[in-house]
Protein backbone atom coordinates (compact mmCIF):
# COMPACT_ATOMS: atom_id res chain seq x y z
CA UNK A 1 14.05 -0.07 4.33
CA UNK A 2 14.62 2.64 2.12
CA UNK A 3 15.04 -0.09 -1.05
CA UNK A 4 11.24 -1.32 0.32
CA UNK A 5 9.74 2.00 0.27
CA UNK A 6 11.46 3.19 -2.57
CA UNK A 7 9.70 -0.38 -4.18
CA UNK A 8 6.07 0.83 -2.45
CA UNK A 9 6.66 3.82 -3.48
CA UNK A 10 7.15 3.33 -7.87
CA UNK A 11 3.60 0.95 -7.24
CA UNK A 12 1.27 3.32 -5.96
CA UNK A 13 3.51 6.19 -8.18
CA UNK A 14 3.23 8.36 -5.64
CA UNK A 15 6.06 10.93 -4.26
CA UNK A 16 8.59 10.40 -1.31
CA UNK A 17 7.19 13.55 0.09
CA UNK A 18 4.00 11.34 0.71
CA UNK A 19 5.39 8.51 2.86
CA UNK A 20 5.04 8.35 6.21
CA UNK A 21 6.80 6.54 9.65
CA UNK A 22 7.85 3.37 8.76
CA UNK A 23 6.79 0.03 11.15
CA UNK A 24 8.61 -3.00 11.29
CA UNK A 25 7.36 -5.70 12.94
CA UNK A 26 9.74 -7.46 15.45
CA UNK A 27 9.21 -11.50 16.22
CA UNK A 28 10.02 -12.88 19.34
CA UNK A 29 12.42 -14.83 20.29
CA UNK A 30 10.27 -18.41 19.79
CA UNK A 31 8.51 -17.10 16.87
CA UNK A 32 11.77 -16.50 14.89
CA UNK A 33 13.22 -20.12 15.54
CA UNK A 34 9.94 -21.23 12.97
CA UNK A 35 10.58 -20.89 9.49
CA UNK A 36 7.90 -18.96 7.83
CA UNK A 37 7.06 -19.56 4.22
CA UNK A 38 5.65 -17.27 1.36
CA UNK A 39 6.22 -13.86 3.07
CA UNK A 40 6.17 -10.98 0.64
CA UNK A 41 9.73 -10.19 -0.52
CA UNK A 42 8.59 -6.61 0.11
CA UNK A 43 6.40 -6.67 3.45
CA UNK A 44 3.06 -5.02 2.90
CA UNK A 45 2.06 -1.58 2.13
CA UNK A 46 -0.94 -0.03 3.79
CA UNK A 47 -2.77 3.14 1.58
CA UNK A 48 -4.82 5.54 2.98
CA UNK A 49 -7.25 7.83 0.68
CA UNK A 50 -8.32 11.08 1.93
CA UNK A 51 -10.27 12.17 -1.15
CA UNK A 52 -13.98 10.90 -1.67
CA UNK A 53 -13.48 11.32 -5.32
CA UNK A 54 -10.20 9.52 -5.29
CA UNK A 55 -11.88 6.55 -3.12
CA UNK A 56 -15.45 6.13 -5.62
CA UNK A 57 -13.02 5.74 -8.60
CA UNK A 58 -11.02 2.85 -6.82
CA UNK A 59 -13.89 1.35 -4.95
CA UNK A 60 -17.22 1.58 -7.14
CA UNK A 61 -15.76 2.49 -10.90
CA UNK A 62 -12.57 -0.48 -10.94
CA UNK A 63 -14.66 -2.52 -9.53
CA UNK A 64 -17.72 -2.02 -11.77
CA UNK A 65 -15.91 -1.44 -14.46
CA UNK A 66 -17.01 1.76 -15.54
CA UNK A 67 -15.77 5.13 -15.88
CA UNK A 68 -17.95 8.55 -14.71
CA UNK A 69 -15.22 11.54 -15.28
CA UNK A 70 -17.84 13.98 -13.51
CA UNK A 71 -17.10 11.96 -10.14
CA UNK A 72 -13.36 13.17 -10.33
CA UNK A 73 -14.13 16.75 -10.85
């Protein structure tokens, strides 16, 4: 669990204080018998943004390919 948390903290460049409790999905016995393919080695990560300026920067500026510094102030 710690290795996975360190991986996602490194990808997002966040401190460990920003972590919320981790969740591990458990599969039923019948689904464990089926072989799963193409599973990501570190699972998935949920990122929550609580500042409008950051959300605007990510969603609008990154996808639009431009930069407006005033939105980040």
